N, C-alpha and C. Protein backbone atom coordinates (compact mmCIF):
# COMPACT_ATOMS: atom_id res chain seq x y z
N MET A 1 50.19 26.85 70.22
CA MET A 1 51.46 26.29 69.74
C MET A 1 52.49 26.47 70.86
N GLY A 2 53.30 25.44 71.08
CA GLY A 2 54.27 25.45 72.12
C GLY A 2 55.47 26.34 71.82
N CYS A 3 56.27 26.62 72.84
CA CYS A 3 57.46 27.40 72.74
C CYS A 3 58.67 26.51 72.75
N TYR A 4 59.62 26.69 71.81
CA TYR A 4 60.76 25.80 71.67
C TYR A 4 62.03 26.63 71.74
N ASN A 5 63.08 26.01 72.28
CA ASN A 5 64.42 26.62 72.30
C ASN A 5 65.25 26.01 71.18
N PHE A 6 65.89 26.83 70.36
CA PHE A 6 66.79 26.34 69.33
C PHE A 6 68.14 26.14 69.94
N THR A 7 68.70 24.90 69.73
CA THR A 7 70.00 24.61 70.32
C THR A 7 71.08 24.38 69.29
N ASN A 8 70.83 23.53 68.28
CA ASN A 8 71.86 23.22 67.30
C ASN A 8 71.25 23.02 65.94
N ALA A 9 72.08 23.21 64.91
CA ALA A 9 71.70 22.82 63.54
C ALA A 9 72.52 21.58 63.19
N THR A 10 71.93 20.61 62.50
CA THR A 10 72.64 19.44 62.09
C THR A 10 72.53 19.27 60.59
N PHE A 11 73.62 18.88 59.99
CA PHE A 11 73.68 18.64 58.55
C PHE A 11 74.29 17.27 58.29
N THR A 12 73.93 16.67 57.17
CA THR A 12 74.53 15.40 56.85
C THR A 12 74.81 15.32 55.35
N ASP A 13 75.88 14.63 54.98
CA ASP A 13 76.15 14.33 53.56
C ASP A 13 75.79 12.90 53.25
N GLY A 14 75.06 12.24 54.16
CA GLY A 14 74.71 10.84 53.94
C GLY A 14 75.64 9.93 54.71
N LEU A 15 76.80 10.42 55.12
CA LEU A 15 77.75 9.62 55.83
C LEU A 15 78.06 10.23 57.19
N LYS A 16 78.47 11.49 57.20
CA LYS A 16 78.80 12.18 58.43
C LYS A 16 77.61 13.08 58.87
N HIS A 17 77.47 13.18 60.18
CA HIS A 17 76.48 14.10 60.78
C HIS A 17 77.28 15.22 61.46
N ILE A 18 77.06 16.45 61.00
CA ILE A 18 77.76 17.59 61.54
C ILE A 18 76.79 18.39 62.44
N LEU A 19 77.23 18.66 63.64
CA LEU A 19 76.42 19.45 64.60
C LEU A 19 77.04 20.84 64.73
N ILE A 20 76.21 21.88 64.51
CA ILE A 20 76.69 23.28 64.61
C ILE A 20 75.91 24.00 65.64
N PRO A 21 76.56 24.51 66.70
CA PRO A 21 75.88 25.29 67.76
C PRO A 21 75.57 26.70 67.27
N ALA A 22 74.62 26.77 66.32
CA ALA A 22 74.27 28.06 65.68
C ALA A 22 73.34 28.86 66.57
N GLU A 23 73.29 30.15 66.35
CA GLU A 23 72.40 31.04 67.12
C GLU A 23 71.26 31.46 66.16
N LEU A 24 70.04 31.25 66.64
CA LEU A 24 68.86 31.62 65.84
C LEU A 24 68.67 33.14 65.90
N ILE A 25 68.70 33.79 64.74
CA ILE A 25 68.49 35.23 64.68
C ILE A 25 67.07 35.57 64.33
N GLU A 26 66.50 34.86 63.31
CA GLU A 26 65.16 35.20 62.88
C GLU A 26 64.53 33.95 62.28
N LEU A 27 63.24 33.78 62.51
CA LEU A 27 62.47 32.67 61.95
C LEU A 27 61.11 33.18 61.59
N ASP A 28 60.74 33.05 60.29
CA ASP A 28 59.42 33.51 59.82
C ASP A 28 58.96 32.61 58.68
N GLY A 29 57.86 32.97 58.06
CA GLY A 29 57.28 32.21 56.99
C GLY A 29 58.14 32.10 55.76
N HIS A 30 59.17 32.93 55.64
CA HIS A 30 60.02 32.92 54.46
C HIS A 30 61.31 32.12 54.62
N GLY A 31 61.67 31.82 55.88
CA GLY A 31 62.90 31.07 56.10
C GLY A 31 63.45 31.32 57.51
N VAL A 32 64.71 30.93 57.65
CA VAL A 32 65.42 31.02 58.92
C VAL A 32 66.73 31.73 58.73
N LEU A 33 67.13 32.54 59.70
CA LEU A 33 68.42 33.23 59.66
C LEU A 33 69.21 32.79 60.90
N LEU A 34 70.38 32.20 60.63
CA LEU A 34 71.24 31.67 61.71
C LEU A 34 72.54 32.39 61.70
N LYS A 35 73.13 32.60 62.89
CA LYS A 35 74.48 33.07 63.03
C LYS A 35 75.36 31.86 63.32
N LEU A 36 76.31 31.56 62.39
CA LEU A 36 77.13 30.37 62.49
C LEU A 36 78.45 30.65 63.19
N PRO A 37 78.86 29.77 64.04
CA PRO A 37 80.19 29.97 64.69
C PRO A 37 81.33 29.54 63.73
N ASP A 38 82.56 29.68 64.20
CA ASP A 38 83.72 29.28 63.43
C ASP A 38 84.04 27.80 63.52
N TYR A 39 83.27 27.02 64.26
CA TYR A 39 83.58 25.64 64.52
C TYR A 39 82.30 24.77 64.39
N SER A 40 82.48 23.51 64.34
CA SER A 40 81.36 22.53 64.36
C SER A 40 81.86 21.21 64.90
N PHE A 41 80.97 20.26 65.09
CA PHE A 41 81.36 18.97 65.65
C PHE A 41 80.85 17.86 64.75
N GLU A 42 81.60 16.79 64.60
CA GLU A 42 81.11 15.60 63.92
C GLU A 42 80.48 14.74 64.99
N SER A 43 79.15 14.62 64.96
CA SER A 43 78.43 13.96 66.04
C SER A 43 78.28 12.45 65.81
N ALA A 44 78.31 12.05 64.56
CA ALA A 44 78.15 10.63 64.22
C ALA A 44 78.65 10.35 62.81
N GLN A 45 78.96 9.07 62.56
CA GLN A 45 79.34 8.73 61.20
C GLN A 45 78.81 7.34 60.89
N ARG A 46 78.14 7.18 59.75
CA ARG A 46 77.65 5.90 59.31
C ARG A 46 78.76 5.08 58.69
N LYS A 47 78.61 3.79 58.77
CA LYS A 47 79.55 2.90 58.11
C LYS A 47 79.30 2.86 56.58
N ILE A 48 78.03 3.03 56.21
CA ILE A 48 77.64 3.01 54.83
C ILE A 48 76.92 4.29 54.50
N LYS A 49 77.28 4.93 53.40
CA LYS A 49 76.68 6.21 53.03
C LYS A 49 75.27 5.99 52.53
N ARG A 50 74.38 6.93 52.95
CA ARG A 50 72.99 6.93 52.43
C ARG A 50 72.88 8.00 51.42
N PHE A 51 72.17 7.70 50.34
CA PHE A 51 71.98 8.61 49.24
C PHE A 51 70.56 9.15 49.28
N ASN A 52 70.42 10.49 49.36
CA ASN A 52 69.10 11.09 49.39
C ASN A 52 68.37 11.01 48.03
N CYS A 53 67.07 10.95 48.09
CA CYS A 53 66.28 10.80 46.87
C CYS A 53 65.24 11.90 46.80
N LYS A 54 64.71 12.14 45.59
CA LYS A 54 63.69 13.19 45.45
C LYS A 54 62.68 12.69 44.39
N ASP A 55 61.41 12.92 44.70
CA ASP A 55 60.30 12.65 43.77
C ASP A 55 60.25 11.19 43.30
N ILE A 56 60.45 10.27 44.27
CA ILE A 56 60.35 8.83 43.91
C ILE A 56 59.22 8.27 44.77
N SER A 57 58.24 7.71 44.08
CA SER A 57 57.10 7.11 44.82
C SER A 57 57.49 5.65 45.14
N ALA A 58 57.05 5.19 46.30
CA ALA A 58 57.32 3.80 46.73
C ALA A 58 56.04 3.13 47.12
N GLN A 59 55.88 1.88 46.71
CA GLN A 59 54.72 1.06 47.09
C GLN A 59 55.23 -0.24 47.65
N ILE A 60 54.87 -0.55 48.89
CA ILE A 60 55.28 -1.78 49.54
C ILE A 60 54.06 -2.66 49.72
N SER A 61 54.15 -3.92 49.31
CA SER A 61 53.03 -4.85 49.49
C SER A 61 53.48 -6.16 50.14
N GLN A 62 52.65 -6.69 51.01
CA GLN A 62 52.98 -7.93 51.71
C GLN A 62 51.70 -8.51 52.29
N ASP A 63 51.44 -9.79 51.98
CA ASP A 63 50.29 -10.48 52.51
C ASP A 63 48.97 -9.72 52.32
N GLY A 64 48.77 -9.08 51.19
CA GLY A 64 47.53 -8.39 50.93
C GLY A 64 47.51 -6.92 51.36
N TRP A 65 48.48 -6.50 52.19
CA TRP A 65 48.57 -5.12 52.61
C TRP A 65 49.38 -4.34 51.58
N ILE A 66 48.93 -3.13 51.30
CA ILE A 66 49.68 -2.24 50.38
C ILE A 66 49.77 -0.84 51.06
N VAL A 67 51.01 -0.39 51.17
CA VAL A 67 51.24 0.98 51.70
C VAL A 67 52.00 1.80 50.68
N LYS A 68 51.73 3.08 50.60
CA LYS A 68 52.40 3.92 49.63
C LYS A 68 53.08 5.08 50.36
N GLY A 69 54.14 5.55 49.76
CA GLY A 69 54.89 6.66 50.33
C GLY A 69 55.90 7.18 49.33
N SER A 70 56.97 7.85 49.87
CA SER A 70 58.03 8.39 49.05
C SER A 70 59.38 7.84 49.55
N LEU A 71 60.26 7.52 48.62
CA LEU A 71 61.57 7.08 48.99
C LEU A 71 62.41 8.27 49.45
N LEU A 72 62.94 8.23 50.66
CA LEU A 72 63.74 9.31 51.23
C LEU A 72 65.21 9.15 50.92
N ASN A 73 65.75 7.93 51.17
CA ASN A 73 67.14 7.66 50.94
C ASN A 73 67.37 6.17 50.86
N PHE A 74 68.59 5.77 50.47
CA PHE A 74 68.88 4.36 50.34
C PHE A 74 70.35 4.08 50.50
N THR A 75 70.70 2.85 50.79
CA THR A 75 72.07 2.33 50.69
C THR A 75 72.00 1.05 49.90
N ALA A 76 73.11 0.36 49.73
CA ALA A 76 73.11 -0.91 49.08
C ALA A 76 72.35 -1.95 49.86
N GLN A 77 72.14 -1.69 51.19
CA GLN A 77 71.55 -2.67 52.05
C GLN A 77 70.18 -2.33 52.58
N SER A 78 69.80 -1.04 52.53
CA SER A 78 68.52 -0.66 53.11
C SER A 78 67.97 0.60 52.45
N LEU A 79 66.73 0.90 52.79
CA LEU A 79 66.12 2.13 52.26
C LEU A 79 65.18 2.69 53.29
N ALA A 80 64.88 3.98 53.18
CA ALA A 80 63.94 4.68 54.09
C ALA A 80 62.80 5.24 53.28
N VAL A 81 61.55 4.95 53.74
CA VAL A 81 60.36 5.38 53.04
C VAL A 81 59.51 6.26 54.00
N ASN A 82 59.08 7.38 53.51
CA ASN A 82 58.12 8.21 54.26
C ASN A 82 56.74 7.87 53.78
N PHE A 83 55.92 7.30 54.67
CA PHE A 83 54.58 6.83 54.29
C PHE A 83 53.60 8.00 54.17
N HIS A 84 52.70 7.88 53.19
CA HIS A 84 51.65 8.89 53.04
C HIS A 84 50.73 8.87 54.27
N HIS A 85 50.16 10.00 54.58
CA HIS A 85 49.34 10.15 55.79
C HIS A 85 48.27 9.09 55.88
N GLN A 86 47.56 8.81 54.80
CA GLN A 86 46.49 7.87 54.88
C GLN A 86 46.94 6.41 55.07
N ASP A 87 48.25 6.14 54.79
CA ASP A 87 48.77 4.81 54.97
C ASP A 87 49.65 4.66 56.20
N SER A 88 49.74 5.74 57.04
CA SER A 88 50.65 5.72 58.18
C SER A 88 50.28 4.65 59.20
N LEU A 89 48.98 4.33 59.35
CA LEU A 89 48.59 3.29 60.26
C LEU A 89 48.89 1.90 59.70
N LEU A 90 48.73 1.74 58.39
CA LEU A 90 48.94 0.43 57.79
C LEU A 90 50.41 -0.03 57.83
N LYS A 91 51.32 0.91 57.97
CA LYS A 91 52.76 0.53 57.95
C LYS A 91 53.08 -0.46 59.08
N ASP A 92 52.31 -0.43 60.17
CA ASP A 92 52.53 -1.38 61.26
C ASP A 92 52.16 -2.78 60.89
N GLU A 93 51.38 -2.99 59.80
CA GLU A 93 50.98 -4.29 59.36
C GLU A 93 52.10 -4.94 58.52
N ILE A 94 53.10 -4.19 58.05
CA ILE A 94 54.20 -4.73 57.29
C ILE A 94 55.27 -5.30 58.22
N ASP A 95 55.60 -6.57 58.04
CA ASP A 95 56.59 -7.26 58.84
C ASP A 95 57.95 -7.08 58.19
N ALA A 96 58.81 -6.23 58.79
CA ALA A 96 60.13 -5.92 58.21
C ALA A 96 61.04 -7.14 58.16
N GLY A 97 60.73 -8.13 58.96
CA GLY A 97 61.60 -9.36 58.94
C GLY A 97 61.20 -10.37 57.90
N SER A 98 60.10 -10.13 57.15
CA SER A 98 59.67 -11.04 56.12
C SER A 98 59.81 -10.41 54.75
N ASN A 99 59.69 -11.23 53.73
CA ASN A 99 59.80 -10.74 52.32
C ASN A 99 58.63 -9.83 52.02
N PHE A 100 58.90 -8.81 51.25
CA PHE A 100 57.84 -7.94 50.76
C PHE A 100 58.20 -7.48 49.34
N HIS A 101 57.20 -6.94 48.64
CA HIS A 101 57.36 -6.56 47.25
C HIS A 101 57.47 -5.01 47.23
N LEU A 102 58.50 -4.45 46.58
CA LEU A 102 58.69 -3.05 46.53
C LEU A 102 58.68 -2.57 45.10
N VAL A 103 57.89 -1.49 44.81
CA VAL A 103 57.81 -0.90 43.50
C VAL A 103 58.24 0.58 43.65
N LEU A 104 59.21 1.00 42.87
CA LEU A 104 59.69 2.41 42.87
C LEU A 104 59.41 3.02 41.50
N LYS A 105 58.91 4.25 41.50
CA LYS A 105 58.62 4.96 40.26
C LYS A 105 59.10 6.41 40.34
N LYS A 106 59.60 6.90 39.24
CA LYS A 106 59.94 8.28 39.13
C LYS A 106 59.47 8.80 37.77
N ASP A 107 58.77 9.94 37.77
CA ASP A 107 58.19 10.48 36.53
C ASP A 107 57.40 9.43 35.78
N ASN A 108 56.59 8.63 36.52
CA ASN A 108 55.76 7.57 35.94
C ASN A 108 56.55 6.46 35.25
N GLU A 109 57.83 6.34 35.57
CA GLU A 109 58.64 5.30 34.98
C GLU A 109 59.14 4.39 36.08
N PHE A 110 58.98 3.07 35.91
CA PHE A 110 59.45 2.12 36.92
C PHE A 110 60.95 2.13 37.02
N ILE A 111 61.48 2.04 38.23
CA ILE A 111 62.92 1.93 38.46
C ILE A 111 63.28 0.45 38.59
N SER A 112 64.32 0.08 37.92
CA SER A 112 64.65 -1.37 37.86
C SER A 112 65.04 -1.90 39.25
N THR A 113 64.63 -3.15 39.46
CA THR A 113 65.02 -3.87 40.67
C THR A 113 66.15 -4.81 40.33
N TRP A 114 66.75 -5.42 41.35
CA TRP A 114 67.81 -6.42 41.13
C TRP A 114 67.28 -7.55 40.25
N GLU A 115 66.06 -7.96 40.44
CA GLU A 115 65.48 -9.04 39.59
C GLU A 115 65.40 -8.61 38.15
N LYS A 116 64.96 -7.37 37.89
CA LYS A 116 64.86 -6.91 36.51
C LYS A 116 66.24 -6.74 35.89
N ALA A 117 67.23 -6.41 36.68
CA ALA A 117 68.57 -6.18 36.13
C ALA A 117 69.26 -7.47 35.76
N VAL A 118 69.07 -8.54 36.56
CA VAL A 118 69.81 -9.79 36.32
C VAL A 118 68.95 -10.94 35.89
N GLY A 119 67.63 -10.80 35.99
CA GLY A 119 66.73 -11.92 35.66
C GLY A 119 66.28 -12.68 36.87
N LYS A 120 65.12 -13.32 36.75
CA LYS A 120 64.49 -14.00 37.86
C LYS A 120 65.31 -15.14 38.44
N ASP A 121 65.89 -15.92 37.55
CA ASP A 121 66.64 -17.13 37.96
C ASP A 121 67.85 -16.73 38.80
N ILE A 122 68.59 -15.73 38.31
CA ILE A 122 69.79 -15.31 39.06
C ILE A 122 69.42 -14.66 40.36
N SER A 123 68.40 -13.79 40.32
CA SER A 123 68.00 -13.04 41.53
C SER A 123 67.53 -13.95 42.65
N LYS A 124 66.97 -15.13 42.36
CA LYS A 124 66.50 -16.06 43.40
C LYS A 124 67.66 -16.62 44.17
N HIS A 125 68.86 -16.64 43.61
CA HIS A 125 70.01 -17.24 44.26
C HIS A 125 71.10 -16.26 44.60
N THR A 126 70.79 -14.95 44.54
CA THR A 126 71.75 -13.91 44.84
C THR A 126 71.18 -12.77 45.60
N LYS A 127 72.00 -11.97 46.22
CA LYS A 127 71.52 -10.79 46.95
C LYS A 127 72.64 -9.75 46.96
N PRO A 128 72.39 -8.53 46.44
CA PRO A 128 73.43 -7.49 46.51
C PRO A 128 73.69 -7.11 48.02
N ARG A 129 74.95 -6.98 48.38
CA ARG A 129 75.28 -6.64 49.72
C ARG A 129 75.86 -5.24 49.92
N SER A 130 76.66 -4.78 48.97
CA SER A 130 77.22 -3.41 49.09
C SER A 130 77.66 -2.88 47.73
N PHE A 131 77.76 -1.58 47.65
CA PHE A 131 78.19 -0.91 46.44
C PHE A 131 79.02 0.28 46.84
N LYS A 132 80.29 0.27 46.47
CA LYS A 132 81.18 1.36 46.82
C LYS A 132 82.28 1.51 45.78
N SER A 133 82.48 2.74 45.32
CA SER A 133 83.54 3.08 44.34
C SER A 133 83.47 2.22 43.12
N GLY A 134 82.24 1.92 42.65
CA GLY A 134 82.07 1.15 41.46
C GLY A 134 82.14 -0.35 41.62
N ARG A 135 82.37 -0.82 42.87
CA ARG A 135 82.44 -2.26 43.11
C ARG A 135 81.15 -2.73 43.79
N LEU A 136 80.48 -3.71 43.15
CA LEU A 136 79.23 -4.27 43.65
C LEU A 136 79.60 -5.65 44.25
N VAL A 137 79.26 -5.84 45.53
CA VAL A 137 79.47 -7.15 46.19
C VAL A 137 78.15 -7.85 46.29
N VAL A 138 78.11 -9.11 45.81
CA VAL A 138 76.84 -9.86 45.74
C VAL A 138 77.02 -11.20 46.43
N ASN A 139 76.08 -11.53 47.34
CA ASN A 139 76.06 -12.84 47.96
C ASN A 139 75.42 -13.84 46.99
N VAL A 140 75.97 -15.07 46.98
CA VAL A 140 75.49 -16.15 46.12
C VAL A 140 75.19 -17.34 47.00
N SER A 141 74.16 -18.11 46.65
CA SER A 141 73.65 -19.18 47.54
C SER A 141 74.63 -20.36 47.63
N ASP A 142 75.37 -20.72 46.54
CA ASP A 142 76.24 -21.91 46.58
C ASP A 142 77.40 -21.75 45.64
N SER A 143 78.36 -22.66 45.74
CA SER A 143 79.60 -22.54 44.97
C SER A 143 79.41 -22.78 43.49
N SER A 144 78.47 -23.65 43.10
CA SER A 144 78.29 -23.91 41.67
C SER A 144 77.74 -22.65 40.98
N ARG A 145 76.83 -21.94 41.69
CA ARG A 145 76.30 -20.69 41.06
C ARG A 145 77.38 -19.62 41.08
N LEU A 146 78.19 -19.58 42.13
CA LEU A 146 79.24 -18.63 42.18
C LEU A 146 80.19 -18.79 41.00
N TYR A 147 80.52 -20.02 40.61
CA TYR A 147 81.37 -20.27 39.46
C TYR A 147 80.71 -19.82 38.17
N GLU A 148 79.39 -20.16 38.06
CA GLU A 148 78.62 -19.80 36.86
C GLU A 148 78.56 -18.29 36.69
N LEU A 149 78.27 -17.59 37.79
CA LEU A 149 78.12 -16.12 37.69
C LEU A 149 79.46 -15.44 37.47
N THR A 150 80.54 -16.01 37.98
CA THR A 150 81.86 -15.43 37.77
C THR A 150 82.19 -15.45 36.27
N LEU A 151 81.77 -16.50 35.56
CA LEU A 151 81.98 -16.58 34.11
C LEU A 151 81.15 -15.55 33.36
N LYS A 152 79.98 -15.18 33.93
CA LYS A 152 79.09 -14.23 33.27
C LYS A 152 79.32 -12.81 33.77
N LYS A 153 80.30 -12.57 34.58
CA LYS A 153 80.48 -11.28 35.26
C LYS A 153 80.42 -10.08 34.33
N HIS A 154 81.20 -10.13 33.25
CA HIS A 154 81.26 -8.94 32.34
C HIS A 154 79.94 -8.68 31.65
N GLU A 155 79.25 -9.77 31.30
CA GLU A 155 77.91 -9.64 30.71
C GLU A 155 76.90 -9.01 31.70
N LEU A 156 76.98 -9.42 32.96
CA LEU A 156 76.12 -8.91 33.97
C LEU A 156 76.38 -7.41 34.25
N ILE A 157 77.64 -7.02 34.27
CA ILE A 157 78.01 -5.63 34.45
C ILE A 157 77.36 -4.75 33.36
N LYS A 158 77.40 -5.20 32.13
CA LYS A 158 76.80 -4.45 31.04
C LYS A 158 75.29 -4.32 31.22
N ASP A 159 74.65 -5.47 31.63
CA ASP A 159 73.18 -5.46 31.80
C ASP A 159 72.77 -4.51 32.92
N ILE A 160 73.47 -4.56 34.02
CA ILE A 160 73.16 -3.74 35.18
C ILE A 160 73.31 -2.26 34.85
N ASN A 161 74.45 -1.91 34.21
CA ASN A 161 74.68 -0.52 33.86
C ASN A 161 73.68 0.03 32.87
N ARG A 162 73.21 -0.85 31.99
CA ARG A 162 72.21 -0.43 31.00
C ARG A 162 70.85 -0.07 31.67
N ARG A 163 70.65 -0.63 32.88
CA ARG A 163 69.37 -0.43 33.53
C ARG A 163 69.42 0.61 34.63
N LEU A 164 70.57 1.27 34.75
CA LEU A 164 70.62 2.34 35.78
C LEU A 164 69.60 3.42 35.45
N LYS A 165 68.96 3.89 36.52
CA LYS A 165 67.90 4.93 36.33
C LYS A 165 68.26 6.14 37.17
N ASP A 166 67.68 7.27 36.78
CA ASP A 166 67.91 8.50 37.51
C ASP A 166 67.00 8.50 38.74
N ILE A 167 67.57 8.26 39.92
CA ILE A 167 66.73 8.23 41.14
C ILE A 167 67.08 9.28 42.12
N ASP A 168 68.07 10.13 41.86
CA ASP A 168 68.34 11.16 42.84
C ASP A 168 68.65 12.54 42.24
N ARG A 169 68.30 12.75 40.95
CA ARG A 169 68.46 14.02 40.28
C ARG A 169 69.92 14.49 40.28
N SER A 170 70.86 13.53 40.23
CA SER A 170 72.26 13.93 40.23
C SER A 170 72.90 13.71 38.87
N GLY A 171 72.11 13.56 37.84
CA GLY A 171 72.68 13.45 36.49
C GLY A 171 72.88 12.06 35.98
N GLN A 172 72.30 11.03 36.67
CA GLN A 172 72.42 9.68 36.22
C GLN A 172 71.70 9.49 34.89
N SER A 173 72.15 8.45 34.15
CA SER A 173 71.51 8.25 32.87
C SER A 173 70.18 7.58 32.99
N ARG A 174 69.32 7.76 32.04
CA ARG A 174 68.06 7.05 31.92
C ARG A 174 68.22 5.99 30.84
N GLY A 175 68.91 4.96 31.18
CA GLY A 175 69.19 3.92 30.18
C GLY A 175 70.39 4.37 29.31
N GLY A 176 70.77 3.57 28.35
CA GLY A 176 71.89 3.94 27.52
C GLY A 176 73.17 3.91 28.29
N LYS A 177 74.15 4.71 27.91
CA LYS A 177 75.42 4.70 28.55
C LYS A 177 75.36 5.39 29.91
N PRO A 178 75.65 4.65 31.02
CA PRO A 178 75.57 5.28 32.32
C PRO A 178 76.69 6.28 32.56
N LYS A 179 76.29 7.51 33.00
CA LYS A 179 77.31 8.49 33.20
C LYS A 179 77.05 9.34 34.47
N GLY A 180 76.07 8.83 35.24
CA GLY A 180 75.65 9.61 36.42
C GLY A 180 76.61 9.56 37.56
N ARG A 181 76.44 10.46 38.50
CA ARG A 181 77.33 10.57 39.66
C ARG A 181 76.52 10.77 40.90
N ILE A 182 76.98 10.20 41.99
CA ILE A 182 76.43 10.45 43.31
C ILE A 182 77.57 10.86 44.19
N GLY A 183 77.48 12.00 44.84
CA GLY A 183 78.54 12.44 45.73
C GLY A 183 79.89 12.54 45.08
N GLY A 184 79.91 12.87 43.76
CA GLY A 184 81.13 13.03 43.07
C GLY A 184 81.71 11.74 42.53
N LYS A 185 81.03 10.60 42.76
CA LYS A 185 81.52 9.28 42.31
C LYS A 185 80.52 8.68 41.35
N THR A 186 80.99 8.07 40.32
CA THR A 186 80.08 7.48 39.35
C THR A 186 79.33 6.27 39.94
N ARG A 187 78.06 6.15 39.56
CA ARG A 187 77.31 5.01 40.01
C ARG A 187 77.42 3.78 39.14
N ALA A 188 78.12 3.93 38.01
CA ALA A 188 78.28 2.79 37.12
C ALA A 188 79.01 1.66 37.80
N VAL A 189 78.55 0.42 37.60
CA VAL A 189 79.19 -0.71 38.19
C VAL A 189 80.40 -1.05 37.34
N LYS A 190 81.60 -1.03 37.98
CA LYS A 190 82.84 -1.31 37.26
C LYS A 190 83.31 -2.74 37.49
N GLU A 191 82.93 -3.28 38.68
CA GLU A 191 83.39 -4.58 39.06
C GLU A 191 82.31 -5.29 39.91
N ILE A 192 82.17 -6.58 39.78
CA ILE A 192 81.26 -7.35 40.64
C ILE A 192 82.11 -8.41 41.35
N ARG A 193 81.96 -8.47 42.66
CA ARG A 193 82.64 -9.49 43.44
C ARG A 193 81.56 -10.43 44.01
N PHE A 194 81.57 -11.69 43.65
CA PHE A 194 80.61 -12.66 44.16
C PHE A 194 81.21 -13.39 45.35
N ARG A 195 80.39 -13.67 46.36
CA ARG A 195 80.84 -14.44 47.51
C ARG A 195 79.70 -15.28 48.01
N ILE A 196 79.99 -16.43 48.60
CA ILE A 196 78.93 -17.25 49.15
C ILE A 196 78.47 -16.61 50.46
N GLY A 197 77.14 -16.46 50.55
CA GLY A 197 76.58 -15.84 51.76
C GLY A 197 75.05 -15.92 51.77
N GLU A 198 74.45 -15.31 52.76
CA GLU A 198 72.98 -15.34 52.91
C GLU A 198 72.30 -14.60 51.79
N VAL A 199 71.26 -15.22 51.20
CA VAL A 199 70.48 -14.56 50.16
C VAL A 199 69.03 -14.52 50.52
């Protein structure tokens, strides 16, 4: 086993990356003991917060290939998956630039997708772009659908909130009245803003 030098500890809240020039005191099979200084540095900051996940299985399929893993974190625009060891070579067969099918499960229960939340017809012509402070921004393919969806906005908000699932162990509801929170902010959709854009 190689010899390594400990230089810094880094922590993240999903948005900011904090670098701490800590001193390693002890490292053994039970844990690590660090001496922390009175200061730290913000080394990077994301434009969009990532939310960490726990105990969520992910299955990605595309053109006959199927890879399995665990969902690590997500934003409104992307997600990170840790592939299982036996599928680590197959992940190179998945083309990230093409469409793929994603299935997420927690405690043997499927987690709703955008298509399940709004229906197949609407999902074909829309794409969620961001979610912040209860506001969901959704791209729509054309102006006639934008008008139609604007009229259905309140109904869609109810449907989406009803399908919120507990995906990060932070107290979100499993159906029924959504009351969960991520990072101190509720995940319930309070407003939807539709705009014409790429879907």
